[in-house]
């Protein structure tokens, strides 16, 4: 058997076993791996947001609307005639590369979420910070005006969204930002913590905590993928 044929069999076996392990179709797994290899970190961020929406239990109708918005935005981009968009698709994938890509994407997403959770508080402490009842905190979360991440049967609230200097106990503009982004809780947290060039290299949450919400809200509206 030739080395090329052996490699194809090895890759096929890996895809079959990995698909069974993750509970997904082999063709979808191959697409996921190809995306992990070819897309930039910013482009993968869009994929991760879609995954977070699914994890958070957002309705399929809302996810479909978001996906259509992304597709329309991509279709509106001018084509680069000098670049063959399919050139890299035919590059051979080795078994090690497949395994590493899948594992790396999974670890990165989980590590980022754990970092957010480490700086989070439970509903009782959130209620104490804001001077509200626990029921009021839950209502704010359900209405999309407060950020909460689900851990098992409980919810954890990132500590940086609270401010003792704010009348409501919550940084001003947060509800507008969350409504504009229309992302999952984890996706919104990623967005708020990531430094933005448009904001002078500061993370959006930093400006909210400085009581400067206008530019953050504007950026959130511009970067929303909802149609």
C-alpha atoms as a PDB file:
ATOM      1  CA  UNK A   1       0.000   0.000   0.000  1.00  0.00           C
ATOM      2  CA  UNK A   2       1.346   3.453  -0.906  1.00  0.00           C
ATOM      3  CA  UNK A   3       2.092   6.051   1.734  1.00  0.00           C
ATOM      4  CA  UNK A   4      -0.611   8.345   0.323  1.00  0.00           C
ATOM      5  CA  UNK A   5      -3.242   5.613   0.416  1.00  0.00           C
ATOM      6  CA  UNK A   6      -2.260   4.696   3.985  1.00  0.00           C
ATOM      7  CA  UNK A   7      -2.574   8.338   5.019  1.00  0.00           C
ATOM      8  CA  UNK A   8      -6.080   8.554   3.510  1.00  0.00           C
ATOM      9  CA  UNK A   9      -7.176   5.448   5.375  1.00  0.00           C
ATOM     10  CA  UNK A  10      -5.672   6.796   8.604  1.00  0.00           C
ATOM     11  CA  UNK A  11      -7.481  10.115   8.199  1.00  0.00           C
ATOM     12  CA  UNK A  12     -10.764   8.401   7.389  1.00  0.00           C
ATOM     13  CA  UNK A  13     -10.422   6.225  10.506  1.00  0.00           C
ATOM     14  CA  UNK A  14      -9.664   9.269  12.650  1.00  0.00           C
ATOM     15  CA  UNK A  15     -12.670  11.174  11.312  1.00  0.00           C
ATOM     16  CA  UNK A  16     -14.944   8.186  11.913  1.00  0.00           C
ATOM     17  CA  UNK A  17     -13.725   7.684  15.484  1.00  0.00           C
ATOM     18  CA  UNK A  18     -13.743  11.417  16.292  1.00  0.00           C
ATOM     19  CA  UNK A  19     -17.256  11.790  14.859  1.00  0.00           C
ATOM     20  CA  UNK A  20     -18.477   8.964  17.074  1.00  0.00           C
ATOM     21  CA  UNK A  21     -16.715  10.498  20.092  1.00  0.00           C
ATOM     22  CA  UNK A  22     -18.174  14.003  19.590  1.00  0.00           C
ATOM     23  CA  UNK A  23     -21.537  12.761  18.332  1.00  0.00           C
ATOM     24  CA  UNK A  24     -21.437  14.639  15.007  1.00  0.00           C
ATOM     25  CA  UNK A  25     -21.480  13.642  11.350  1.00  0.00           C
ATOM     26  CA  UNK A  26     -18.109  12.998   9.723  1.00  0.00           C
ATOM     27  CA  UNK A  27     -18.658  15.607   7.013  1.00  0.00           C
ATOM     28  CA  UNK A  28     -19.489  18.252   9.613  1.00  0.00           C
ATOM     29  CA  UNK A  29     -16.408  17.353  11.643  1.00  0.00           C
ATOM     30  CA  UNK A  30     -14.223  17.652   8.538  1.00  0.00           C
ATOM     31  CA  UNK A  31     -15.708  21.098   7.880  1.00  0.00           C
ATOM     32  CA  UNK A  32     -15.057  22.157  11.484  1.00  0.00           C
ATOM     33  CA  UNK A  33     -11.435  21.081  11.260  1.00  0.00           C
ATOM     34  CA  UNK A  34     -10.991  22.861   7.931  1.00  0.00           C
ATOM     35  CA  UNK A  35     -12.455  26.026   9.447  1.00  0.00           C
ATOM     36  CA  UNK A  36     -10.076  25.800  12.417  1.00  0.00           C
ATOM     37  CA  UNK A  37      -7.120  25.579  10.024  1.00  0.00           C
ATOM     38  CA  UNK A  38      -8.116  28.229   7.498  1.00  0.00           C
ATOM     39  CA  UNK A  39     -10.076  30.933   9.326  1.00  0.00           C
ATOM     40  CA  UNK A  40      -8.501  33.779  11.268  1.00  0.00           C
ATOM     41  CA  UNK A  41      -9.115  34.162  15.012  1.00  0.00           C
ATOM     42  CA  UNK A  42     -11.650  36.924  14.276  1.00  0.00           C
ATOM     43  CA  UNK A  43     -13.509  34.713  11.796  1.00  0.00           C
ATOM     44  CA  UNK A  44     -13.452  31.808  14.237  1.00  0.00           C
ATOM     45  CA  UNK A  45     -14.950  34.197  16.785  1.00  0.00           C
ATOM     46  CA  UNK A  46     -18.106  34.326  14.647  1.00  0.00           C
ATOM     47  CA  UNK A  47     -18.251  30.524  14.605  1.00  0.00           C
ATOM     48  CA  UNK A  48     -17.779  30.424  18.373  1.00  0.00           C
ATOM     49  CA  UNK A  49     -20.635  32.882  18.893  1.00  0.00           C
ATOM     50  CA  UNK A  50     -22.959  30.597  16.943  1.00  0.00           C
ATOM     51  CA  UNK A  51     -21.841  27.691  19.118  1.00  0.00           C
ATOM     52  CA  UNK A  52     -22.434  29.697  22.282  1.00  0.00           C
ATOM     53  CA  UNK A  53     -25.938  30.582  21.108  1.00  0.00           C
ATOM     54  CA  UNK A  54     -26.713  26.904  20.632  1.00  0.00           C
ATOM     55  CA  UNK A  55     -25.214  26.032  24.048  1.00  0.00           C
ATOM     56  CA  UNK A  56     -27.305  28.746  25.707  1.00  0.00           C
ATOM     57  CA  UNK A  57     -30.526  27.311  24.273  1.00  0.00           C
ATOM     58  CA  UNK A  58     -31.324  30.244  21.972  1.00  0.00           C
ATOM     59  CA  UNK A  59     -34.186  29.355  19.626  1.00  0.00           C
ATOM     60  CA  UNK A  60     -33.348  27.942  16.210  1.00  0.00           C
ATOM     61  CA  UNK A  61     -35.361  30.765  14.614  1.00  0.00           C
ATOM     62  CA  UNK A  62     -33.148  33.399  16.201  1.00  0.00           C
ATOM     63  CA  UNK A  63     -29.978  31.520  15.291  1.00  0.00           C
ATOM     64  CA  UNK A  64     -31.209  31.188  11.711  1.00  0.00           C
ATOM     65  CA  UNK A  65     -31.823  34.950  11.552  1.00  0.00           C
ATOM     66  CA  UNK A  66     -28.298  35.574  12.830  1.00  0.00           C
ATOM     67  CA  UNK A  67     -26.790  33.135  10.325  1.00  0.00           C
ATOM     68  CA  UNK A  68     -28.626  34.774   7.456  1.00  0.00           C
ATOM     69  CA  UNK A  69     -27.327  38.154   8.575  1.00  0.00           C
ATOM     70  CA  UNK A  70     -23.760  36.838   8.513  1.00  0.00           C
ATOM     71  CA  UNK A  71     -24.256  35.318   5.059  1.00  0.00           C
ATOM     72  CA  UNK A  72     -25.651  38.584   3.699  1.00  0.00           C
ATOM     73  CA  UNK A  73     -22.695  40.497   5.145  1.00  0.00           C
ATOM     74  CA  UNK A  74     -20.268  38.058   3.492  1.00  0.00           C
ATOM     75  CA  UNK A  75     -22.063  38.268   0.160  1.00  0.00           C
ATOM     76  CA  UNK A  76     -21.757  42.065   0.266  1.00  0.00           C
ATOM     77  CA  UNK A  77     -17.953  41.902   0.453  1.00  0.00           C
ATOM     78  CA  UNK A  78     -16.091  42.647  -2.797  1.00  0.00           C
ATOM     79  CA  UNK A  79     -14.331  39.660  -4.313  1.00  0.00           C
ATOM     80  CA  UNK A  80     -10.533  39.612  -4.606  1.00  0.00           C
ATOM     81  CA  UNK A  81      -9.896  38.426  -8.160  1.00  0.00           C
ATOM     82  CA  UNK A  82      -6.239  37.737  -7.536  1.00  0.00           C
ATOM     83  CA  UNK A  83      -6.969  35.241  -4.787  1.00  0.00           C
ATOM     84  CA  UNK A  84      -8.349  31.783  -5.331  1.00  0.00           C
ATOM     85  CA  UNK A  85     -10.691  31.214  -2.347  1.00  0.00           C
ATOM     86  CA  UNK A  86     -10.560  27.441  -2.868  1.00  0.00           C
ATOM     87  CA  UNK A  87      -6.807  27.138  -3.200  1.00  0.00           C
ATOM     88  CA  UNK A  88      -6.228  26.204   0.439  1.00  0.00           C
ATOM     89  CA  UNK A  89      -9.235  23.892   0.656  1.00  0.00           C
ATOM     90  CA  UNK A  90      -7.489  21.128  -1.266  1.00  0.00           C
ATOM     91  CA  UNK A  91      -4.441  21.067   0.995  1.00  0.00           C
ATOM     92  CA  UNK A  92      -4.064  17.579   2.505  1.00  0.00           C
ATOM     93  CA  UNK A  93      -4.854  17.143   6.194  1.00  0.00           C
ATOM     94  CA  UNK A  94      -2.708  14.826   8.266  1.00  0.00           C
ATOM     95  CA  UNK A  95      -4.186  12.842  11.140  1.00  0.00           C
ATOM     96  CA  UNK A  96      -2.135  14.663  13.764  1.00  0.00           C
ATOM     97  CA  UNK A  97      -3.271  18.029  12.424  1.00  0.00           C
ATOM     98  CA  UNK A  98      -6.909  16.969  12.568  1.00  0.00           C
ATOM     99  CA  UNK A  99      -6.662  15.849  16.178  1.00  0.00           C
ATOM    100  CA  UNK A 100      -4.721  18.928  17.259  1.00  0.00           C
ATOM    101  CA  UNK A 101      -7.139  21.339  15.571  1.00  0.00           C
ATOM    102  CA  UNK A 102     -10.206  19.805  17.198  1.00  0.00           C
ATOM    103  CA  UNK A 103      -8.581  19.594  20.619  1.00  0.00           C
ATOM    104  CA  UNK A 104      -7.113  23.116  20.427  1.00  0.00           C
ATOM    105  CA  UNK A 105     -10.432  24.748  19.521  1.00  0.00           C
ATOM    106  CA  UNK A 106     -12.219  22.913  22.318  1.00  0.00           C
ATOM    107  CA  UNK A 107      -9.577  23.812  24.920  1.00  0.00           C
ATOM    108  CA  UNK A 108      -9.432  27.480  23.916  1.00  0.00           C
ATOM    109  CA  UNK A 109     -13.183  27.931  24.207  1.00  0.00           C
ATOM    110  CA  UNK A 110     -13.357  26.151  27.560  1.00  0.00           C
ATOM    111  CA  UNK A 111     -10.361  28.040  28.987  1.00  0.00           C
ATOM    112  CA  UNK A 112     -11.833  31.412  28.023  1.00  0.00           C
ATOM    113  CA  UNK A 113     -15.148  30.554  29.679  1.00  0.00           C
ATOM    114  CA  UNK A 114     -13.413  29.380  32.849  1.00  0.00           C
ATOM    115  CA  UNK A 115     -11.493  32.664  33.043  1.00  0.00           C
ATOM    116  CA  UNK A 116     -14.773  34.570  32.969  1.00  0.00           C
ATOM    117  CA  UNK A 117     -16.320  32.321  35.608  1.00  0.00           C
ATOM    118  CA  UNK A 118     -13.360  32.832  37.953  1.00  0.00           C
ATOM    119  CA  UNK A 119     -14.284  36.511  38.149  1.00  0.00           C
ATOM    120  CA  UNK A 120     -17.989  35.853  38.712  1.00  0.00           C
ATOM    121  CA  UNK A 121     -20.322  35.874  41.711  1.00  0.00           C
ATOM    122  CA  UNK A 122     -23.514  34.025  42.595  1.00  0.00           C
ATOM    123  CA  UNK A 123     -27.022  35.478  42.574  1.00  0.00           C
ATOM    124  CA  UNK A 124     -27.010  36.202  46.322  1.00  0.00           C
ATOM    125  CA  UNK A 125     -23.897  38.370  46.098  1.00  0.00           C
ATOM    126  CA  UNK A 126     -25.186  40.029  42.917  1.00  0.00           C
ATOM    127  CA  UNK A 127     -28.356  40.944  44.794  1.00  0.00           C
ATOM    128  CA  UNK A 128     -26.286  42.389  47.639  1.00  0.00           C
ATOM    129  CA  UNK A 129     -24.133  44.423  45.229  1.00  0.00           C
ATOM    130  CA  UNK A 130     -27.156  46.027  43.593  1.00  0.00           C
ATOM    131  CA  UNK A 131     -29.466  46.308  46.577  1.00  0.00           C
ATOM    132  CA  UNK A 132     -32.073  44.181  44.821  1.00  0.00           C
ATOM    133  CA  UNK A 133     -33.758  40.880  45.554  1.00  0.00           C
ATOM    134  CA  UNK A 134     -32.505  37.635  44.072  1.00  0.00           C
ATOM    135  CA  UNK A 135     -35.718  37.448  42.047  1.00  0.00           C
ATOM    136  CA  UNK A 136     -35.029  40.903  40.603  1.00  0.00           C
ATOM    137  CA  UNK A 137     -31.527  39.836  39.552  1.00  0.00           C
ATOM    138  CA  UNK A 138     -32.961  36.792  37.775  1.00  0.00           C
ATOM    139  CA  UNK A 139     -35.509  38.971  36.003  1.00  0.00           C
ATOM    140  CA  UNK A 140     -32.756  41.297  34.781  1.00  0.00           C
ATOM    141  CA  UNK A 141     -30.826  38.307  33.431  1.00  0.00           C
ATOM    142  CA  UNK A 142     -33.857  36.793  31.705  1.00  0.00           C
ATOM    143  CA  UNK A 143     -34.724  40.112  30.082  1.00  0.00           C
ATOM    144  CA  UNK A 144     -31.173  40.467  28.727  1.00  0.00           C
ATOM    145  CA  UNK A 145     -30.242  43.449  30.902  1.00  0.00           C
ATOM    146  CA  UNK A 146     -27.678  41.601  33.035  1.00  0.00           C
ATOM    147  CA  UNK A 147     -25.028  39.078  32.031  1.00  0.00           C
ATOM    148  CA  UNK A 148     -25.234  35.614  33.575  1.00  0.00           C
ATOM    149  CA  UNK A 149     -23.432  32.370  32.682  1.00  0.00           C
ATOM    150  CA  UNK A 150     -25.043  29.053  33.476  1.00  0.00           C
ATOM    151  CA  UNK A 151     -23.052  26.536  35.520  1.00  0.00           C
ATOM    152  CA  UNK A 152     -25.045  23.385  36.087  1.00  0.00           C
ATOM    153  CA  UNK A 153     -28.357  24.419  37.621  1.00  0.00           C
ATOM    154  CA  UNK A 154     -27.050  27.811  38.786  1.00  0.00           C
ATOM    155  CA  UNK A 155     -26.128  31.133  37.245  1.00  0.00           C
ATOM    156  CA  UNK A 156     -22.903  33.059  37.764  1.00  0.00           C
ATOM    157  CA  UNK A 157     -22.635  36.807  37.185  1.00  0.00           C
ATOM    158  CA  UNK A 158     -19.362  38.409  35.991  1.00  0.00           C
ATOM    159  CA  UNK A 159     -18.261  40.750  38.773  1.00  0.00           C
ATOM    160  CA  UNK A 160     -17.033  43.492  36.416  1.00  0.00           C
ATOM    161  CA  UNK A 161     -20.551  44.411  35.318  1.00  0.00           C
ATOM    162  CA  UNK A 162     -21.412  45.742  38.763  1.00  0.00           C
ATOM    163  CA  UNK A 163     -20.466  49.196  40.059  1.00  0.00           C
ATOM    164  CA  UNK A 164     -21.154  50.701  43.493  1.00  0.00           C
ATOM    165  CA  UNK A 165     -21.089  54.156  41.885  1.00  0.00           C
ATOM    166  CA  UNK A 166     -23.957  53.398  39.500  1.00  0.00           C
ATOM    167  CA  UNK A 167     -27.473  54.174  40.668  1.00  0.00           C
ATOM    168  CA  UNK A 168     -28.690  50.735  39.579  1.00  0.00           C
ATOM    169  CA  UNK A 169     -25.566  48.955  40.794  1.00  0.00           C
ATOM    170  CA  UNK A 170     -24.881  47.883  37.179  1.00  0.00           C
ATOM    171  CA  UNK A 171     -22.501  49.711  34.830  1.00  0.00           C
ATOM    172  CA  UNK A 172     -24.430  52.161  32.620  1.00  0.00           C
ATOM    173  CA  UNK A 173     -25.133  51.114  29.049  1.00  0.00           C
ATOM    174  CA  UNK A 174     -24.742  47.380  29.662  1.00  0.00           C
ATOM    175  CA  UNK A 175     -28.362  46.582  28.820  1.00  0.00           C
ATOM    176  CA  UNK A 176     -28.110  48.503  25.527  1.00  0.00           C
ATOM    177  CA  UNK A 177     -24.882  46.720  24.598  1.00  0.00           C
ATOM    178  CA  UNK A 178     -26.309  43.261  25.350  1.00  0.00           C
ATOM    179  CA  UNK A 179     -29.464  44.037  23.384  1.00  0.00           C
ATOM    180  CA  UNK A 180     -27.458  45.306  20.396  1.00  0.00           C
ATOM    181  CA  UNK A 181     -25.052  42.349  20.338  1.00  0.00           C
ATOM    182  CA  UNK A 182     -27.772  39.698  20.683  1.00  0.00           C
ATOM    183  CA  UNK A 183     -25.082  37.112  21.497  1.00  0.00           C
ATOM    184  CA  UNK A 184     -24.968  34.304  24.015  1.00  0.00           C
ATOM    185  CA  UNK A 185     -23.879  35.260  27.559  1.00  0.00           C
ATOM    186  CA  UNK A 186     -20.411  33.832  26.961  1.00  0.00           C
ATOM    187  CA  UNK A 187     -20.141  35.523  23.578  1.00  0.00           C
ATOM    188  CA  UNK A 188     -21.160  38.875  25.071  1.00  0.00           C
ATOM    189  CA  UNK A 189     -18.596  38.453  27.847  1.00  0.00           C
ATOM    190  CA  UNK A 190     -15.861  37.743  25.269  1.00  0.00           C
ATOM    191  CA  UNK A 191     -16.834  40.874  23.356  1.00  0.00           C
ATOM    192  CA  UNK A 192     -16.865  43.077  26.451  1.00  0.00           C
ATOM    193  CA  UNK A 193     -13.426  41.906  27.588  1.00  0.00           C
ATOM    194  CA  UNK A 194     -11.632  42.037  24.235  1.00  0.00           C
ATOM    195  CA  UNK A 195      -9.629  45.247  23.579  1.00  0.00           C
ATOM    196  CA  UNK A 196     -11.107  47.189  20.666  1.00  0.00           C
ATOM    197  CA  UNK A 197      -9.099  49.411  18.342  1.00  0.00           C
ATOM    198  CA  UNK A 198     -12.111  51.691  17.924  1.00  0.00           C
ATOM    199  CA  UNK A 199     -12.092  52.280  21.683  1.00  0.00           C
ATOM    200  CA  UNK A 200      -8.435  53.277  21.848  1.00  0.00           C
ATOM    201  CA  UNK A 201      -7.343  49.708  22.536  1.00  0.00           C
ATOM    202  CA  UNK A 202      -9.486  49.488  25.683  1.00  0.00           C
ATOM    203  CA  UNK A 203     -11.912  46.631  26.385  1.00  0.00           C
ATOM    204  CA  UNK A 204     -15.543  47.799  26.078  1.00  0.00           C
ATOM    205  CA  UNK A 205     -16.261  46.953  29.719  1.00  0.00           C
ATOM    206  CA  UNK A 206     -13.531  49.378  30.821  1.00  0.00           C
ATOM    207  CA  UNK A 207     -15.314  52.319  29.204  1.00  0.00           C
ATOM    208  CA  UNK A 208     -18.644  51.209  30.654  1.00  0.00           C
ATOM    209  CA  UNK A 209     -17.062  51.165  34.096  1.00  0.00           C
ATOM    210  CA  UNK A 210     -15.765  54.693  33.432  1.00  0.00           C
ATOM    211  CA  UNK A 211     -19.356  55.780  32.731  1.00  0.00           C
ATOM    212  CA  UNK A 212     -18.583  56.325  29.016  1.00  0.00           C
ATOM    213  CA  UNK A 213     -21.166  54.054  27.366  1.00  0.00           C
ATOM    214  CA  UNK A 214     -21.969  55.943  24.159  1.00  0.00           C
ATOM    215  CA  UNK A 215     -19.023  54.764  22.034  1.00  0.00           C
ATOM    216  CA  UNK A 216     -19.404  51.200  23.332  1.00  0.00           C
ATOM    217  CA  UNK A 217     -23.112  51.070  22.496  1.00  0.00           C
ATOM    218  CA  UNK A 218     -22.403  52.476  19.032  1.00  0.00           C
ATOM    219  CA  UNK A 219     -19.708  49.861  18.401  1.00  0.00           C
ATOM    220  CA  UNK A 220     -21.990  47.044  19.588  1.00  0.00           C
ATOM    221  CA  UNK A 221     -24.699  48.157  17.176  1.00  0.00           C
ATOM    222  CA  UNK A 222     -22.241  48.354  14.286  1.00  0.00           C
ATOM    223  CA  UNK A 223     -20.828  44.894  14.976  1.00  0.00           C
ATOM    224  CA  UNK A 224     -24.147  43.166  15.505  1.00  0.00           C
ATOM    225  CA  UNK A 225     -24.785  40.459  12.880  1.00  0.00           C
ATOM    226  CA  UNK A 226     -28.527  40.516  13.329  1.00  0.00           C
ATOM    227  CA  UNK A 227     -30.360  41.674  10.179  1.00  0.00           C
END
